């Protein structure tokens, strides 16, 4: 086993893993090309690693590309789970588009910046003044229907396994459920519909390292987004549990397969499982 990591904090304690700084990528090309896995590169490194060095990267290329931009993420969700995606409109920020969306959306509605995380860049639009303030912040209009919820669910997937699923209760300021915005973690039972939706999205879109944000409206799950890099605050077992799940997944994925190699036992090669 020979792995290379570009994020020492997320791979602390990984055996046989060489830690590099991102800017060292060009000085270690041979080692990177020969590595079984290249872990946690920065986004700017991705194309050079995959296309230039044919490196095997974790998280997956899809996890990076779809997780980098809410526009691409939402369009992918609408393609594979249209009934589980809130009504979303994406337009260029022009006066006519802004007026059309104001008239089209049921009020209040949610407006987002295409690239933001941890609850930043998201607003509940209740009046014209808030809409005008949002229009000043972005070149792309990204609006979404407001769902009547006071909590949501974070489903954490590593590889083909759900390692955690928990509720996030709304913060005292209202609207926001993100822990970074004051949301509160609750470890009560999570509906199977939410977990199954996250698993479906991960499998269909080849996402192997993500915290999915799922809302329940009655018994129906809706996906808001996923974060490629997520916090460990609500994960029972924390970093250790994440570390073990990553190592297990990568070891199974790098096992040789094909007619000249024996197959691993069926119990060791389950597809999309939950251990939450």
Protein backbone atom coordinates (compact mmCIF):
# COMPACT_ATOMS: atom_id res chain seq x y z
CA UNK A 1 0.00 0.00 0.00
CA UNK A 2 1.39 3.41 -1.00
CA UNK A 3 -0.79 6.45 -0.46
CA UNK A 4 -0.09 10.16 -0.75
CA UNK A 5 -2.04 12.81 1.13
CA UNK A 6 -2.28 16.54 0.53
CA UNK A 7 -4.19 17.12 3.79
CA UNK A 8 -2.24 16.06 6.87
CA UNK A 9 -5.08 16.86 9.26
CA UNK A 10 -7.62 14.59 7.56
CA UNK A 11 -5.17 11.69 7.15
CA UNK A 12 -3.40 11.89 10.49
CA UNK A 13 -2.67 8.34 11.62
CA UNK A 14 -2.92 6.75 8.17
CA UNK A 15 -0.17 4.14 7.78
CA UNK A 16 2.10 4.08 4.71
CA UNK A 17 0.88 7.53 3.69
CA UNK A 18 3.29 10.22 2.58
CA UNK A 19 2.19 13.71 3.52
CA UNK A 20 2.82 16.45 0.96
CA UNK A 21 1.94 20.11 0.79
CA UNK A 22 -0.21 20.97 -2.25
CA UNK A 23 2.53 23.14 -3.77
CA UNK A 24 4.87 20.11 -3.80
CA UNK A 25 2.81 18.39 -6.49
CA UNK A 26 5.33 19.09 -9.29
CA UNK A 27 8.35 17.88 -7.30
CA UNK A 28 6.89 14.43 -6.58
CA UNK A 29 5.32 13.44 -9.89
CA UNK A 30 6.82 9.94 -10.01
CA UNK A 31 5.69 9.09 -6.49
CA UNK A 32 2.22 10.45 -7.16
CA UNK A 33 1.89 8.46 -10.39
CA UNK A 34 2.93 5.26 -8.60
CA UNK A 35 0.68 5.76 -5.57
CA UNK A 36 -2.32 3.51 -5.04
CA UNK A 37 -4.33 6.52 -3.85
CA UNK A 38 -3.88 10.28 -3.76
CA UNK A 39 -5.91 11.68 -0.88
CA UNK A 40 -7.56 15.07 -0.40
CA UNK A 41 -5.90 17.18 -3.07
CA UNK A 42 -7.03 20.77 -3.31
CA UNK A 43 -9.49 21.59 -6.07
CA UNK A 44 -6.88 23.32 -8.25
CA UNK A 45 -4.80 20.11 -8.30
CA UNK A 46 -7.57 17.83 -9.53
CA UNK A 47 -7.20 18.03 -13.30
CA UNK A 48 -3.40 17.87 -13.19
CA UNK A 49 -3.56 14.75 -11.03
CA UNK A 50 -6.28 12.90 -12.90
CA UNK A 51 -5.40 13.80 -16.49
CA UNK A 52 -1.71 14.60 -16.19
CA UNK A 53 -0.55 11.87 -13.82
CA UNK A 54 -3.46 9.39 -14.15
CA UNK A 55 -3.67 9.43 -10.36
CA UNK A 56 -6.40 7.65 -8.44
CA UNK A 57 -7.94 10.37 -6.32
CA UNK A 58 -10.05 10.28 -3.17
CA UNK A 59 -12.57 11.84 -2.73
CA UNK A 60 -13.86 10.99 -6.20
CA UNK A 61 -13.73 13.38 -9.12
CA UNK A 62 -17.53 13.68 -8.98
CA UNK A 63 -17.37 14.59 -5.30
CA UNK A 64 -15.09 17.49 -6.20
CA UNK A 65 -16.82 18.70 -9.36
CA UNK A 66 -20.40 18.54 -8.10
CA UNK A 67 -19.49 19.70 -4.61
CA UNK A 68 -17.69 22.78 -5.89
CA UNK A 69 -20.74 24.61 -7.22
CA UNK A 70 -24.38 24.56 -6.12
CA UNK A 71 -25.55 25.12 -9.69
CA UNK A 72 -23.93 21.96 -11.02
CA UNK A 73 -24.97 20.09 -7.90
CA UNK A 74 -28.63 21.09 -8.19
CA UNK A 75 -28.81 20.18 -11.87
CA UNK A 76 -27.36 16.76 -11.12
CA UNK A 77 -29.89 16.25 -8.31
CA UNK A 78 -32.76 17.27 -10.59
CA UNK A 79 -31.56 14.77 -13.18
CA UNK A 80 -31.43 11.72 -10.89
CA UNK A 81 -33.95 12.61 -8.15
CA UNK A 82 -36.38 15.20 -9.54
CA UNK A 83 -39.10 14.34 -7.04
CA UNK A 84 -36.73 14.91 -4.14
CA UNK A 85 -35.30 18.26 -5.19
CA UNK A 86 -36.98 21.50 -4.10
CA UNK A 87 -38.22 23.69 -6.95
CA UNK A 88 -35.12 25.56 -8.04
CA UNK A 89 -34.62 28.33 -10.60
CA UNK A 90 -31.19 29.39 -11.89
CA UNK A 91 -30.88 32.47 -14.11
CA UNK A 92 -28.40 35.12 -15.11
CA UNK A 93 -28.75 38.22 -12.95
CA UNK A 94 -30.53 40.60 -15.29
CA UNK A 95 -33.34 43.03 -14.41
CA UNK A 96 -35.87 41.05 -16.41
CA UNK A 97 -34.87 37.73 -14.85
CA UNK A 98 -34.91 39.22 -11.38
CA UNK A 99 -38.44 40.57 -11.88
CA UNK A 100 -39.64 37.31 -13.42
CA UNK A 101 -38.33 35.25 -10.51
CA UNK A 102 -39.84 37.63 -7.98
CA UNK A 103 -43.23 37.08 -9.59
CA UNK A 104 -42.72 33.34 -10.15
CA UNK A 105 -41.63 32.16 -6.70
CA UNK A 106 -43.99 31.60 -3.82
CA UNK A 107 -43.06 33.89 -0.95
CA UNK A 108 -41.00 33.62 1.15
CA UNK A 109 -38.33 31.82 -0.86
CA UNK A 110 -34.66 30.97 -0.46
CA UNK A 111 -31.84 32.66 -2.37
CA UNK A 112 -28.28 31.33 -2.46
CA UNK A 113 -24.82 32.12 -3.74
CA UNK A 114 -23.52 29.37 -6.05
CA UNK A 115 -20.33 28.89 -4.03
CA UNK A 116 -20.82 28.99 -0.27
CA UNK A 117 -20.97 26.59 2.66
CA UNK A 118 -21.71 26.29 6.39
CA UNK A 119 -24.90 28.29 6.03
CA UNK A 120 -23.21 31.38 4.61
CA UNK A 121 -24.49 32.77 1.32
CA UNK A 122 -28.07 31.62 2.01
CA UNK A 123 -30.98 33.94 2.75
CA UNK A 124 -34.71 33.69 3.32
CA UNK A 125 -36.24 36.35 1.07
CA UNK A 126 -39.42 37.84 2.54
CA UNK A 127 -39.68 41.25 0.90
CA UNK A 128 -38.42 43.44 -1.95
CA UNK A 129 -35.68 45.02 0.16
CA UNK A 130 -34.15 41.62 0.92
CA UNK A 131 -34.45 40.66 -2.75
CA UNK A 132 -32.68 43.82 -3.88
CA UNK A 133 -29.91 43.22 -1.34
CA UNK A 134 -29.40 39.71 -2.70
CA UNK A 135 -29.28 40.96 -6.29
CA UNK A 136 -26.29 43.12 -5.38
CA UNK A 137 -24.30 40.09 -4.22
CA UNK A 138 -24.29 37.75 -7.23
CA UNK A 139 -24.05 37.45 -11.01
CA UNK A 140 -26.19 34.30 -10.99
CA UNK A 141 -29.65 34.09 -9.47
CA UNK A 142 -30.16 30.84 -7.58
CA UNK A 143 -33.55 30.63 -5.87
CA UNK A 144 -35.36 27.74 -4.29
CA UNK A 145 -38.74 27.09 -2.76
CA UNK A 146 -38.93 27.46 1.00
CA UNK A 147 -39.76 24.21 2.78
CA UNK A 148 -41.76 24.46 6.07
CA UNK A 149 -39.24 22.76 8.36
CA UNK A 150 -37.53 23.56 11.66
CA UNK A 151 -34.83 20.88 11.41
CA UNK A 152 -33.00 18.85 8.78
CA UNK A 153 -30.84 15.75 8.58
CA UNK A 154 -27.14 15.36 7.89
CA UNK A 155 -26.26 11.99 6.30
CA UNK A 156 -22.53 11.32 6.12
CA UNK A 157 -21.34 8.88 3.46
CA UNK A 158 -17.82 7.54 3.08
CA UNK A 159 -17.31 5.35 0.04
CA UNK A 160 -20.34 3.06 -0.09
CA UNK A 161 -21.25 3.33 3.59
CA UNK A 162 -23.42 5.62 5.71
CA UNK A 163 -21.24 6.30 8.74
CA UNK A 164 -23.57 8.72 10.48
CA UNK A 165 -27.03 10.26 10.24
CA UNK A 166 -28.38 12.82 12.69
CA UNK A 167 -30.81 15.71 13.03
CA UNK A 168 -29.83 19.37 13.07
CA UNK A 169 -32.33 21.56 14.92
CA UNK A 170 -32.95 25.15 13.87
CA UNK A 171 -30.82 27.82 15.48
CA UNK A 172 -32.24 30.47 17.81
CA UNK A 173 -32.05 33.03 15.00
CA UNK A 174 -34.42 30.88 12.92
CA UNK A 175 -34.16 29.48 9.38
CA UNK A 176 -30.60 28.12 9.68
CA UNK A 177 -29.96 24.53 10.79
CA UNK A 178 -26.21 24.52 10.16
CA UNK A 179 -24.12 23.98 13.28
CA UNK A 180 -21.87 26.84 12.14
CA UNK A 181 -24.93 29.11 12.30
CA UNK A 182 -26.07 27.91 15.71
CA UNK A 183 -27.97 24.75 14.77
CA UNK A 184 -28.17 22.07 17.46
CA UNK A 185 -27.32 18.40 16.90
CA UNK A 186 -29.85 15.77 17.97
CA UNK A 187 -29.06 12.06 17.86
CA UNK A 188 -32.61 10.68 17.68
CA UNK A 189 -33.67 8.16 15.02
CA UNK A 190 -33.51 9.36 11.40
CA UNK A 191 -36.14 8.24 8.86
CA UNK A 192 -34.99 5.55 6.44
CA UNK A 193 -36.29 7.66 3.52
CA UNK A 194 -33.63 10.30 4.20
CA UNK A 195 -30.80 7.76 4.39
CA UNK A 196 -32.00 5.95 1.28
CA UNK A 197 -32.15 9.20 -0.70
CA UNK A 198 -28.56 10.05 0.26
CA UNK A 199 -27.42 6.56 -0.71
CA UNK A 200 -29.22 6.81 -4.05
CA UNK A 201 -27.57 10.12 -4.83
CA UNK A 202 -24.13 8.88 -3.79
CA UNK A 203 -24.40 5.72 -5.87
CA UNK A 204 -25.89 7.36 -8.95
CA UNK A 205 -23.56 10.35 -9.01
CA UNK A 206 -20.37 8.55 -7.85
CA UNK A 207 -20.03 10.66 -4.70
CA UNK A 208 -17.88 8.91 -2.10
CA UNK A 209 -17.13 11.53 0.57
CA UNK A 210 -20.01 13.79 1.53
CA UNK A 211 -22.33 15.15 4.16
CA UNK A 212 -25.78 15.31 2.54
CA UNK A 213 -28.35 17.77 3.89
CA UNK A 214 -31.83 16.25 3.70
CA UNK A 215 -35.17 17.78 4.76
CA UNK A 216 -38.28 15.82 5.64
CA UNK A 217 -41.64 17.33 4.70
CA UNK A 218 -44.06 14.85 6.19
CA UNK A 219 -42.72 11.49 5.06
CA UNK A 220 -41.07 12.84 1.92
CA UNK A 221 -37.32 13.60 1.77
CA UNK A 222 -35.81 16.53 -0.12
CA UNK A 223 -32.12 17.09 -0.75
CA UNK A 224 -30.66 20.56 -0.34
CA UNK A 225 -26.98 19.95 -1.04
CA UNK A 226 -23.92 18.00 0.01
CA UNK A 227 -20.61 19.17 1.41
CA UNK A 228 -17.48 17.37 0.24
CA UNK A 229 -15.63 18.56 3.33
CA UNK A 230 -17.85 18.32 6.39
CA UNK A 231 -17.46 18.76 10.13
CA UNK A 232 -17.34 15.88 12.58
CA UNK A 233 -19.34 17.50 15.40
CA UNK A 234 -22.39 15.24 15.08
CA UNK A 235 -20.59 12.01 14.21
CA UNK A 236 -20.49 9.59 17.12
CA UNK A 237 -16.93 8.31 17.12
CA UNK A 238 -15.78 11.47 15.37
CA UNK A 239 -12.52 11.49 13.44
CA UNK A 240 -11.67 7.91 14.40
CA UNK A 241 -14.87 6.56 12.86
CA UNK A 242 -14.33 8.58 9.68
CA UNK A 243 -10.71 7.44 9.47
CA UNK A 244 -11.65 3.77 9.81
CA UNK A 245 -14.38 4.07 7.18
CA UNK A 246 -12.01 5.73 4.69
CA UNK A 247 -9.28 3.12 5.16
CA UNK A 248 -11.77 0.26 4.85
CA UNK A 249 -13.24 1.68 1.65
CA UNK A 250 -9.92 2.47 -0.02
CA UNK A 251 -8.46 -0.91 0.86
CA UNK A 252 -11.46 -2.68 -0.63
CA UNK A 253 -11.37 -0.52 -3.76
CA UNK A 254 -7.70 -1.17 -4.45
CA UNK A 255 -8.03 -4.95 -4.22
CA UNK A 256 -7.19 -6.51 -7.62
CA UNK A 257 -10.17 -7.99 -9.45
CA UNK A 258 -10.74 -9.80 -12.71
CA UNK A 259 -10.37 -13.35 -14.05
CA UNK A 260 -6.79 -13.70 -12.81
CA UNK A 261 -7.57 -12.73 -9.23
CA UNK A 262 -9.78 -14.39 -6.63
CA UNK A 263 -12.87 -12.47 -5.64
CA UNK A 264 -13.16 -11.12 -2.13
CA UNK A 265 -15.80 -12.78 0.06
CA UNK A 266 -19.28 -11.45 -0.61
CA UNK A 267 -19.50 -10.14 2.95
CA UNK A 268 -16.59 -7.83 2.25
CA UNK A 269 -17.88 -6.34 -0.97
CA UNK A 270 -21.33 -5.02 -0.19
CA UNK A 271 -22.57 -2.16 -2.31
CA UNK A 272 -24.00 0.87 -0.53
CA UNK A 273 -24.50 -0.14 3.06
CA UNK A 274 -25.35 1.69 6.24
CA UNK A 275 -23.53 1.39 9.55
CA UNK A 276 -25.01 4.49 11.18
